[in-house]
Amino acid sequence: MSVPTVLVLPLPAQGHVNPMMIFSQRLAENGCNVIFVNTEFIHKKVLSSMGNQEGGGVNGESPIKLVSIPDGLGPDADRNNLWEVSDSLMKNMPAMLEKLIEDLRLKDGIIVSCVVADSAMAGALKIASKIGIKGVVFYPASAAMLALQCSIPKLIDDGIINSNGLPNTQKTFQLSASFPHMDTGSIWWAKGVDSVLGNVMFNNIVHAMQTLELTEWWLCNSTPDLEPQALSYVPKLLPIGPLLRRYDDNQGVTERSLGQFLEEDLSCINWLDQQPHTSVIYVAFGSLTHFDKKQFTEVALGLELTNRPFLWVVRQDSNCNPHEFKGNQGKIVKWASQQKVLSHPAIACFVSHCGWNSTIEGLSNGVPFLCWPCFGDQFFNKTYICDELKVGLGFDLDENELISREEIKVKVDKVLSDENIRSNAHVLKEKMLNNIKDGGRSRENLNKNYNTDQIIGQDGCCSNCASFTMPCSRTCQPNDDLVSKIG
């Protein structure tokens, strides 16, 4: 059997590139060559963060080859505006991708066996289907959010949202009797955006969901015990998480960091080595969150009030200067190796925006959360962390719609003194990591043959079926492993 070549296509955002790059590394370990496709703007960022070392190619030392395509925007466009970039890619990516696949074949002799597309780039599946290439969809957020998207017709029929995807009223609802409660604030495409942008996002989601039916393989960065209800609700979705860089008990995270947009400041690890165990507050709000001056000041002064050491990630594109606040108790970096940080014994808690990658990384390291969601799916993730998993606390806004310095101190003290939260976090860590050990469910989904009972949901429908709602009417046969399937 020839070595399969997989083309991986993420949305050009840090939270999408990260898990798909780790997934690509796992594919490489399982004998695949990988063509990892970024937009030209993101491709340059990734290479710069690696010290301009691309790391070989399909026919070189590395089985992962980094390539780029244009984003379709003009030279003066704001490429930090993800919505503008996404809209352009929706229109222009299919033709560019088809040309890339053809160029790889004609110029380099590379035959693409399979396309793995980010769900937000699902238009790539149409191209794959058109030219006879197998397709796989990767969903980078929680399984619960995909379940929500799959339920759009039901949400409209039940009067929860209108035909434009916007909530009709403020209410709580369930997708099924066993599903965690949601409220209309969990409808991420309508959260914190104006009606015009919300409608554009909604239409893109509807189009993407229709396109997903072109493939039977749906993958996500989750685990069966983390989201059992959501994975049962969407039985075609196979969990392969937690997607983490390789970890060694003696050396910590050992796998090379690929796919970062900014260079990681490793000086913070040496600084953490000097701090007592479970003493440091780690503060990071991801790659997109911005605070105004008032809220930024409250964060800084709140950390100072705790009288505890803190490690704070403040990106270089922040319009605020944190160094006037840090004093002697904290360290501030522009970007950190988050998995290395979270696995460090000095970390006591994680003040997080609750993006899904950060959620997975925090849960996999048994770190209690202080949840500060800012937009999109982060609000549901916060509710799930605090109310379902019980491994964190949220912040409350004051009369000025700010999270005050006093509130920060109160919640830090509270989460660090709550033994139940810490115990729950440790138990969940073991469950998460068991999924990627030998014999673990997620590892089996990716690496080994798996049989019917491993992929059947609670409703009796397995991932071989095209239907979301009806149980299997036939006896499903065991599937081949993923690498064999795509090859």
Protein backbone atom coordinates (compact mmCIF):
# COMPACT_ATOMS: atom_id res chain seq x y z
CA MET A 1 0.00 0.00 0.00
CA SER A 2 1.38 3.43 -0.95
CA VAL A 3 1.81 6.12 1.68
CA PRO A 4 -1.31 8.32 1.65
CA THR A 5 -0.97 12.08 1.32
CA VAL A 6 -3.49 14.12 3.30
CA LEU A 7 -4.21 17.79 2.60
CA VAL A 8 -5.22 19.63 5.79
CA LEU A 9 -7.08 22.94 5.51
CA PRO A 10 -7.80 24.99 8.69
CA LEU A 11 -9.59 28.32 9.02
CA PRO A 12 -6.80 30.94 9.27
CA ALA A 13 -7.18 31.53 13.01
CA GLN A 14 -4.86 30.40 15.81
CA GLY A 15 -7.56 28.38 17.58
CA HIS A 16 -8.22 26.43 14.39
CA VAL A 17 -4.64 25.96 13.17
CA ASN A 18 -3.39 24.63 16.54
CA PRO A 19 -5.52 21.47 16.89
CA MET A 20 -5.36 20.67 13.18
CA MET A 21 -1.57 20.86 13.27
CA ILE A 22 -1.43 18.45 16.22
CA PHE A 23 -3.84 16.18 14.36
CA SER A 24 -1.51 16.39 11.34
CA GLN A 25 1.40 15.32 13.53
CA ARG A 26 -0.61 12.27 14.65
CA LEU A 27 -1.40 11.43 11.02
CA ALA A 28 2.32 11.67 10.25
CA GLU A 29 3.08 9.28 13.11
CA ASN A 30 0.60 6.85 11.58
CA GLY A 31 2.32 6.84 8.23
CA CYS A 32 0.72 9.71 6.31
CA ASN A 33 2.35 12.53 4.43
CA VAL A 34 0.61 15.84 5.14
CA ILE A 35 0.18 18.99 3.08
CA PHE A 36 -0.79 21.69 5.60
CA VAL A 37 -2.43 24.66 3.87
CA ASN A 38 -2.57 28.17 5.35
CA THR A 39 -3.32 31.49 3.72
CA GLU A 40 -0.21 33.38 2.61
CA PHE A 41 -0.54 35.86 5.51
CA ILE A 42 -0.77 33.12 8.15
CA HIS A 43 1.86 30.97 6.43
CA LYS A 44 4.41 33.77 6.85
CA LYS A 45 3.50 34.13 10.52
CA VAL A 46 3.92 30.42 11.15
CA LEU A 47 7.30 30.28 9.42
CA SER A 48 8.46 33.37 11.31
CA SER A 49 7.53 31.86 14.68
CA MET A 50 9.56 28.76 13.76
CA GLY A 51 12.64 30.79 12.91
CA ASN A 52 11.95 30.43 9.18
CA GLN A 53 12.54 26.68 9.31
CA GLU A 54 9.79 25.04 7.35
CA GLY A 55 10.77 21.60 8.51
CA GLY A 56 11.09 19.76 5.23
CA GLY A 57 8.38 18.53 2.97
CA VAL A 58 6.56 15.50 1.71
CA ASN A 59 9.68 14.20 0.00
CA GLY A 60 12.09 15.60 2.59
CA GLU A 61 12.86 14.74 6.20
CA SER A 62 9.50 15.78 7.57
CA PRO A 63 6.19 14.22 6.50
CA ILE A 64 4.46 17.61 7.02
CA LYS A 65 4.82 20.15 4.23
CA LEU A 66 3.62 23.72 4.87
CA VAL A 67 2.15 25.46 1.83
CA SER A 68 -0.02 28.53 1.24
CA ILE A 69 -2.85 29.84 -0.90
CA PRO A 70 -4.01 33.45 -1.41
CA ASP A 71 -6.94 34.62 0.72
CA GLY A 72 -8.52 36.53 -2.16
CA LEU A 73 -8.26 39.92 -0.48
CA GLY A 74 -6.53 43.01 -1.83
CA PRO A 75 -3.11 44.16 -0.58
CA ASP A 76 -4.57 46.81 1.77
CA ALA A 77 -7.16 44.57 3.44
CA ASP A 78 -7.15 44.06 7.21
CA ARG A 79 -6.17 40.41 7.56
CA ASN A 80 -6.69 40.54 11.31
CA ASN A 81 -10.43 40.88 10.57
CA LEU A 82 -11.32 37.20 10.66
CA TRP A 83 -14.85 37.74 9.37
CA GLU A 84 -13.62 39.58 6.28
CA VAL A 85 -10.98 36.93 5.62
CA SER A 86 -13.50 34.11 6.12
CA ASP A 87 -16.00 35.69 3.75
CA SER A 88 -13.33 36.06 1.07
CA LEU A 89 -12.19 32.46 1.54
CA MET A 90 -15.75 31.16 1.22
CA LYS A 91 -15.89 32.76 -2.22
CA ASN A 92 -12.35 32.16 -3.48
CA MET A 93 -10.93 29.11 -1.70
CA PRO A 94 -12.57 26.34 -3.78
CA ALA A 95 -10.96 27.42 -7.04
CA MET A 96 -7.59 28.08 -5.35
CA LEU A 97 -7.67 24.70 -3.64
CA GLU A 98 -8.46 22.86 -6.85
CA LYS A 99 -5.53 24.61 -8.52
CA LEU A 100 -3.21 23.71 -5.61
CA ILE A 101 -4.14 20.03 -5.79
CA GLU A 102 -3.56 20.02 -9.55
CA ASP A 103 -0.23 21.85 -9.21
CA LEU A 104 0.93 19.35 -6.58
CA ARG A 105 0.18 16.55 -9.00
CA LEU A 106 1.70 18.09 -12.13
CA LYS A 107 4.71 19.92 -10.68
CA ASP A 108 5.67 17.77 -7.68
CA GLY A 109 4.18 14.39 -8.50
CA ILE A 110 2.16 14.44 -5.26
CA ILE A 111 -1.23 12.73 -5.39
CA VAL A 112 -3.56 13.92 -2.63
CA SER A 113 -5.45 10.96 -1.15
CA CYS A 114 -7.72 12.83 1.23
CA VAL A 115 -8.74 16.35 2.21
CA VAL A 116 -9.24 17.12 5.92
CA ALA A 117 -11.20 20.36 6.06
CA ASP A 118 -12.00 22.57 9.01
CA SER A 119 -15.79 22.69 9.32
CA ALA A 120 -15.58 26.43 8.61
CA MET A 121 -13.82 25.58 5.32
CA ALA A 122 -16.28 22.87 4.35
CA GLY A 123 -16.41 24.16 0.79
CA ALA A 124 -13.21 22.18 0.32
CA LEU A 125 -15.25 18.99 0.60
CA LYS A 126 -17.14 19.91 -2.55
CA ILE A 127 -13.85 20.21 -4.42
CA ALA A 128 -12.64 16.90 -3.00
CA SER A 129 -15.88 15.20 -4.02
CA LYS A 130 -15.76 16.77 -7.46
CA ILE A 131 -12.30 15.41 -8.26
CA GLY A 132 -12.79 12.05 -6.56
CA ILE A 133 -10.78 12.58 -3.35
CA LYS A 134 -12.00 11.34 0.00
CA GLY A 135 -13.01 13.99 2.53
CA VAL A 136 -12.85 14.32 6.30
CA VAL A 137 -14.28 17.20 8.33
CA PHE A 138 -12.61 18.40 11.52
CA TYR A 139 -14.75 20.36 13.99
CA PRO A 140 -12.47 22.54 16.19
CA ALA A 141 -15.00 23.57 18.87
CA SER A 142 -16.92 21.41 21.34
CA ALA A 143 -19.16 18.57 20.20
CA ALA A 144 -22.00 20.45 21.88
CA MET A 145 -21.59 23.37 19.50
CA LEU A 146 -21.76 21.06 16.49
CA ALA A 147 -24.88 19.49 17.99
CA LEU A 148 -26.33 23.00 18.19
CA GLN A 149 -25.50 23.64 14.54
CA CYS A 150 -27.01 20.30 13.52
CA SER A 151 -30.21 21.36 15.30
CA ILE A 152 -30.77 24.58 13.35
CA PRO A 153 -33.97 23.29 11.64
CA LYS A 154 -35.31 22.14 15.02
CA LEU A 155 -34.43 25.46 16.65
CA ILE A 156 -36.38 27.29 13.95
CA ASP A 157 -39.37 24.90 14.19
CA ASP A 158 -39.43 25.29 17.98
CA GLY A 159 -39.42 29.08 17.70
CA ILE A 160 -36.09 29.47 19.51
CA ILE A 161 -34.45 31.26 16.55
CA ASN A 162 -35.85 32.94 13.47
CA SER A 163 -34.97 32.14 9.86
CA ASN A 164 -31.97 34.47 10.12
CA GLY A 165 -30.57 32.49 13.04
CA LEU A 166 -31.24 35.11 15.71
CA PRO A 167 -33.01 34.29 19.00
CA ASN A 168 -36.70 35.15 19.17
CA THR A 169 -36.69 35.44 22.96
CA GLN A 170 -34.36 34.98 25.91
CA LYS A 171 -35.02 31.43 27.10
CA THR A 172 -33.50 28.15 28.19
CA PHE A 173 -33.81 25.03 26.04
CA GLN A 174 -32.53 21.48 25.61
CA LEU A 175 -31.61 19.72 22.38
CA SER A 176 -32.72 16.42 23.93
CA ALA A 177 -33.86 15.17 27.31
CA SER A 178 -30.34 14.06 28.26
CA PHE A 179 -28.58 17.15 26.88
CA PRO A 180 -27.28 19.91 29.17
CA HIS A 181 -29.50 22.98 29.34
CA MET A 182 -28.58 25.85 27.05
CA ASP A 183 -29.88 29.37 26.83
CA THR A 184 -30.15 31.58 23.80
CA GLY A 185 -26.81 33.10 24.82
CA SER A 186 -25.30 29.74 23.82
CA ILE A 187 -26.21 30.42 20.19
CA TRP A 188 -22.69 31.47 19.42
CA TRP A 189 -23.20 32.94 15.95
CA ALA A 190 -25.61 35.51 17.44
CA LYS A 191 -23.47 36.39 20.48
CA GLY A 192 -21.85 39.81 20.58
CA VAL A 193 -22.33 40.63 16.90
CA ASP A 194 -24.68 42.95 15.03
CA SER A 195 -27.62 41.50 13.14
CA VAL A 196 -25.98 41.89 9.71
CA LEU A 197 -22.80 40.05 10.68
CA GLY A 198 -24.82 37.47 12.61
CA ASN A 199 -26.90 36.77 9.51
CA VAL A 200 -23.77 36.35 7.35
CA MET A 201 -22.28 33.93 9.89
CA PHE A 202 -25.54 32.02 10.12
CA ASN A 203 -25.82 31.61 6.36
CA ASN A 204 -22.22 30.37 6.23
CA ILE A 205 -22.98 27.82 8.95
CA VAL A 206 -26.08 26.55 7.15
CA HIS A 207 -24.08 26.16 3.95
CA ALA A 208 -21.27 24.37 5.80
CA MET A 209 -23.68 21.96 7.50
CA GLN A 210 -25.17 21.00 4.14
CA THR A 211 -21.67 20.41 2.77
CA LEU A 212 -20.65 18.17 5.67
CA GLU A 213 -22.97 15.47 4.36
CA LEU A 214 -20.45 14.87 1.57
CA THR A 215 -18.32 12.80 3.96
CA GLU A 216 -18.94 10.12 6.57
CA TRP A 217 -15.85 11.08 8.59
CA TRP A 218 -16.46 13.80 11.19
CA LEU A 219 -13.74 14.31 13.82
CA CYS A 220 -13.51 16.55 16.89
CA ASN A 221 -11.10 17.48 19.67
CA SER A 222 -13.12 15.97 22.50
CA THR A 223 -13.51 12.73 24.47
CA PRO A 224 -16.44 10.37 25.07
CA ASP A 225 -16.52 11.00 28.81
CA LEU A 226 -16.18 14.77 28.47
CA GLU A 227 -19.22 15.22 26.21
CA PRO A 228 -21.24 11.99 26.20
CA GLN A 229 -24.59 13.65 25.48
CA ALA A 230 -23.34 15.71 22.54
CA LEU A 231 -21.47 12.80 20.98
CA SER A 232 -24.57 10.65 21.29
CA TYR A 233 -26.63 13.41 19.68
CA VAL A 234 -24.24 13.60 16.69
CA PRO A 235 -23.27 9.93 16.24
CA LYS A 236 -21.24 10.56 13.07
CA LEU A 237 -18.79 12.64 15.15
CA LEU A 238 -15.72 10.72 16.32
CA PRO A 239 -13.73 12.16 19.25
CA ILE A 240 -9.94 12.01 18.83
CA GLY A 241 -8.97 14.31 21.70
CA PRO A 242 -7.45 15.65 23.72
CA LEU A 243 -5.13 16.81 20.94
CA LEU A 244 -2.00 17.70 22.89
CA ARG A 245 1.67 18.02 22.13
CA ARG A 246 3.60 14.98 23.32
CA TYR A 247 4.37 15.02 27.05
CA ASP A 248 7.06 13.26 29.07
CA ASP A 249 6.77 12.97 32.87
CA ASN A 250 10.42 13.90 33.28
CA GLN A 251 10.80 16.57 30.60
CA GLY A 252 7.27 17.98 30.27
CA VAL A 253 6.07 18.86 26.76
CA THR A 254 8.67 17.53 24.33
CA GLU A 255 7.02 17.84 20.91
CA ARG A 256 8.04 20.72 18.69
CA SER A 257 5.51 23.54 18.53
CA LEU A 258 4.24 23.99 14.98
CA GLY A 259 1.50 26.28 13.73
CA GLN A 260 2.01 29.16 16.17
CA PHE A 261 1.43 32.69 14.87
CA LEU A 262 3.77 34.21 17.46
CA GLU A 263 7.08 33.01 18.83
CA GLU A 264 6.70 31.41 22.24
CA ASP A 265 8.59 33.08 25.08
CA LEU A 266 10.16 30.15 26.93
CA SER A 267 11.67 32.37 29.62
CA CYS A 268 8.41 31.98 31.52
CA ILE A 269 9.19 28.29 32.12
CA ASN A 270 12.44 29.20 33.88
CA TRP A 271 10.50 31.77 35.90
CA LEU A 272 7.89 29.16 36.86
CA ASP A 273 10.67 26.85 38.02
CA GLN A 274 11.46 29.43 40.73
CA GLN A 275 7.88 29.57 42.07
CA PRO A 276 6.33 27.34 44.77
CA HIS A 277 4.02 24.53 43.67
CA THR A 278 0.40 25.54 42.98
CA SER A 279 1.12 29.21 43.62
CA VAL A 280 0.91 30.94 40.22
CA ILE A 281 -2.17 32.43 38.59
CA TYR A 282 -1.94 31.90 34.84
CA VAL A 283 -3.82 34.52 32.81
CA ALA A 284 -4.35 34.16 29.06
CA PHE A 285 -7.24 35.28 26.87
CA GLY A 286 -6.32 33.70 23.55
CA SER A 287 -5.40 35.19 20.21
CA LEU A 288 -8.39 37.46 19.53
CA THR A 289 -9.62 39.02 22.79
CA HIS A 290 -9.04 42.74 23.35
CA PHE A 291 -9.81 44.77 26.49
CA ASP A 292 -10.35 48.49 26.73
CA LYS A 293 -8.15 50.52 29.05
CA LYS A 294 -10.59 50.41 31.98
CA GLN A 295 -11.00 46.64 31.99
CA PHE A 296 -7.32 46.08 31.37
CA THR A 297 -6.49 48.20 34.41
CA GLU A 298 -8.92 46.23 36.57
CA VAL A 299 -7.24 42.97 35.52
CA ALA A 300 -3.81 44.34 36.39
CA LEU A 301 -4.85 45.77 39.75
CA GLY A 302 -6.88 42.67 40.57
CA LEU A 303 -3.84 40.46 40.04
CA GLU A 304 -1.84 42.81 42.24
CA LEU A 305 -4.52 42.59 44.96
CA THR A 306 -4.27 38.80 45.13
CA ASN A 307 -0.71 39.12 46.44
CA ARG A 308 0.15 35.95 44.52
CA PRO A 309 2.64 35.39 41.69
CA PHE A 310 1.05 35.53 38.25
CA LEU A 311 2.01 34.80 34.67
CA TRP A 312 0.08 37.02 32.24
CA VAL A 313 0.06 36.67 28.45
CA VAL A 314 -0.46 40.08 26.83
CA ARG A 315 -0.13 39.96 23.06
CA GLN A 316 2.02 42.48 21.26
CA ASP A 317 -1.07 43.84 19.46
CA SER A 318 -2.60 44.94 22.78
CA ASN A 319 -3.21 48.68 22.98
CA CYS A 320 -2.43 48.69 26.70
CA ASN A 321 0.89 48.60 28.51
CA PRO A 322 0.92 45.96 31.25
CA HIS A 323 4.45 46.57 32.49
CA GLU A 324 3.48 49.61 34.54
CA PHE A 325 1.42 47.27 36.75
CA LYS A 326 3.37 44.05 37.15
CA GLY A 327 5.52 45.00 40.14
CA ASN A 328 7.67 42.23 41.53
CA GLN A 329 5.09 39.49 41.84
CA GLY A 330 4.31 38.81 38.18
CA LYS A 331 5.81 37.98 34.81
CA ILE A 332 4.33 39.22 31.54
CA VAL A 333 5.03 37.63 28.15
CA LYS A 334 3.72 38.26 24.63
CA TRP A 335 3.01 34.59 23.92
CA ALA A 336 3.55 31.40 25.89
CA SER A 337 3.83 27.70 25.27
CA GLN A 338 0.48 27.16 26.94
CA GLN A 339 0.69 23.41 27.29
CA LYS A 340 4.11 23.70 28.92
CA VAL A 341 2.77 26.35 31.26
CA LEU A 342 -0.39 24.47 32.24
CA SER A 343 1.55 21.26 32.91
CA HIS A 344 3.98 23.06 35.22
CA PRO A 345 3.53 22.20 38.92
CA ALA A 346 3.71 25.89 39.89
CA ILE A 347 0.35 26.68 38.24
CA ALA A 348 -2.52 27.07 40.69
CA CYS A 349 -5.38 28.20 38.42
CA PHE A 350 -6.14 29.36 34.90
CA VAL A 351 -7.89 32.69 34.22
CA SER A 352 -9.17 31.89 30.75
CA HIS A 353 -11.44 33.16 27.97
CA CYS A 354 -12.64 29.54 27.69
CA GLY A 355 -11.84 29.00 24.05
CA TRP A 356 -12.16 25.29 23.29
CA ASN A 357 -8.42 24.68 22.87
CA SER A 358 -7.67 26.38 26.18
CA THR A 359 -10.50 24.44 27.79
CA ILE A 360 -9.12 21.12 26.55
CA GLU A 361 -5.57 22.03 27.61
CA GLY A 362 -6.64 23.18 31.07
CA LEU A 363 -8.83 20.13 31.69
CA SER A 364 -6.05 17.80 30.52
CA ASN A 365 -3.70 19.27 33.11
CA GLY A 366 -6.13 19.23 36.03
CA VAL A 367 -6.03 23.02 36.49
CA PRO A 368 -9.00 24.83 38.11
CA PHE A 369 -10.55 27.53 35.92
CA LEU A 370 -11.58 31.11 36.47
CA CYS A 371 -13.81 31.70 33.46
CA TRP A 372 -13.89 34.99 31.55
CA PRO A 373 -15.69 34.32 28.23
CA CYS A 374 -15.65 37.10 25.66
CA PHE A 375 -17.55 35.95 22.57
CA GLY A 376 -18.93 33.03 20.59
CA ASP A 377 -18.88 29.52 22.04
CA GLN A 378 -16.84 30.66 25.04
CA PHE A 379 -20.00 31.44 27.01
CA PHE A 380 -21.31 27.89 26.70
CA ASN A 381 -17.87 26.50 27.53
CA LYS A 382 -17.83 28.61 30.70
CA THR A 383 -21.23 27.26 31.76
CA TYR A 384 -20.12 23.71 31.05
CA ILE A 385 -16.88 24.14 33.02
CA CYS A 386 -18.61 25.66 36.05
CA ASP A 387 -22.02 23.98 36.19
CA GLU A 388 -21.57 20.57 34.55
CA LEU A 389 -17.93 19.66 35.16
CA LYS A 390 -17.64 21.74 38.35
CA VAL A 391 -13.98 22.54 37.85
CA GLY A 392 -14.16 26.33 37.86
CA LEU A 393 -15.88 29.56 38.77
CA GLY A 394 -17.10 32.52 36.76
CA PHE A 395 -16.74 36.25 37.35
CA ASP A 396 -19.62 38.67 37.94
CA LEU A 397 -19.90 42.08 36.32
CA ASP A 398 -20.27 45.21 38.45
CA GLU A 399 -22.65 48.12 37.86
CA ASN A 400 -20.30 49.50 35.20
CA GLU A 401 -20.30 46.23 33.24
CA LEU A 402 -16.72 45.60 34.33
CA ILE A 403 -15.12 42.73 36.20
CA SER A 404 -13.62 44.66 39.08
CA ARG A 405 -10.26 44.21 40.77
CA GLU A 406 -12.06 43.22 43.98
CA GLU A 407 -14.07 40.56 42.12
CA ILE A 408 -10.88 39.12 40.69
CA LYS A 409 -9.30 38.82 44.13
CA VAL A 410 -12.44 37.27 45.65
CA LYS A 411 -12.76 34.63 42.95
CA VAL A 412 -9.05 33.76 42.96
CA ASP A 413 -9.18 33.22 46.73
CA LYS A 414 -12.38 31.21 46.40
CA VAL A 415 -11.25 28.86 43.64
CA LEU A 416 -7.91 28.19 45.30
CA SER A 417 -9.56 27.29 48.59
CA ASP A 418 -12.20 24.99 47.06
CA GLU A 419 -10.99 21.42 47.51
CA ASN A 420 -13.95 20.00 45.57
CA ILE A 421 -13.01 21.95 42.45
CA ARG A 422 -9.40 20.84 42.68
CA SER A 423 -10.40 17.22 43.27
CA ASN A 424 -12.84 17.28 40.34
CA ALA A 425 -10.14 18.77 38.13
CA HIS A 426 -7.67 16.01 39.03
CA VAL A 427 -10.23 13.27 38.37
CA LEU A 428 -11.17 14.78 35.02
CA LYS A 429 -7.50 15.09 34.05
CA GLU A 430 -7.03 11.35 34.44
CA LYS A 431 -10.14 10.63 32.39
CA MET A 432 -9.00 12.99 29.63
CA LEU A 433 -5.51 11.53 29.41
CA ASN A 434 -6.74 7.93 29.52
CA ASN A 435 -8.36 8.56 26.13
CA ILE A 436 -5.00 8.99 24.42
CA LYS A 437 -3.12 6.22 26.19
CA ASP A 438 -2.81 2.73 24.71
CA GLY A 439 -6.30 1.32 24.49
CA GLY A 440 -7.96 4.71 25.06
CA ARG A 441 -11.14 5.50 23.15
CA SER A 442 -9.77 8.50 21.26
CA ARG A 443 -6.55 6.74 20.42
CA GLU A 444 -8.49 3.75 19.16
CA ASN A 445 -10.57 6.05 16.95
CA LEU A 446 -7.42 7.37 15.33
CA ASN A 447 -4.91 4.54 15.38
CA LYS A 448 -6.52 1.12 15.51
CA ASN A 449 -9.37 -0.98 14.23
CA TYR A 450 -12.52 -0.20 16.16
CA ASN A 451 -15.72 -2.15 16.21
CA THR A 452 -19.39 -1.33 16.24
CA ASP A 453 -19.87 -0.86 19.98
CA GLN A 454 -17.12 1.79 20.11
CA ILE A 455 -18.80 4.04 17.59
CA ILE A 456 -22.47 3.44 18.43
CA GLY A 457 -24.13 6.32 20.23
CA GLN A 458 -26.65 5.88 23.01
CA ASP A 459 -29.48 6.13 20.49
CA GLY A 460 -28.11 3.15 18.59
CA CYS A 461 -26.96 4.97 15.47
CA CYS A 462 -23.39 4.60 14.35
CA SER A 463 -21.03 6.71 12.30
CA ASN A 464 -21.60 4.60 9.19
CA CYS A 465 -25.15 5.88 8.96
CA ALA A 466 -26.21 8.95 7.06
CA SER A 467 -29.09 9.69 9.42
CA PHE A 468 -28.85 11.82 12.55
CA THR A 469 -32.20 10.85 14.00
CA MET A 470 -32.96 7.25 13.11
CA PRO A 471 -31.32 4.22 14.72
CA CYS A 472 -29.37 1.75 12.60
CA SER A 473 -31.55 -0.54 10.53
CA ARG A 474 -28.65 -2.83 9.73
CA THR A 475 -25.72 -4.55 11.41
CA CYS A 476 -22.64 -2.42 10.87
CA GLN A 477 -19.36 -4.07 10.06
CA PRO A 478 -16.11 -3.14 11.80
CA ASN A 479 -14.34 -0.23 10.18
CA ASP A 480 -10.74 -0.04 9.06
CA ASP A 481 -8.40 2.25 10.92
CA LEU A 482 -8.44 5.89 9.84
CA VAL A 483 -5.14 5.84 7.94
CA SER A 484 -6.21 2.82 5.91
CA LYS A 485 -9.56 4.47 5.27
CA ILE A 486 -8.11 7.66 3.82
CA GLY A 487 -5.38 5.86 1.91
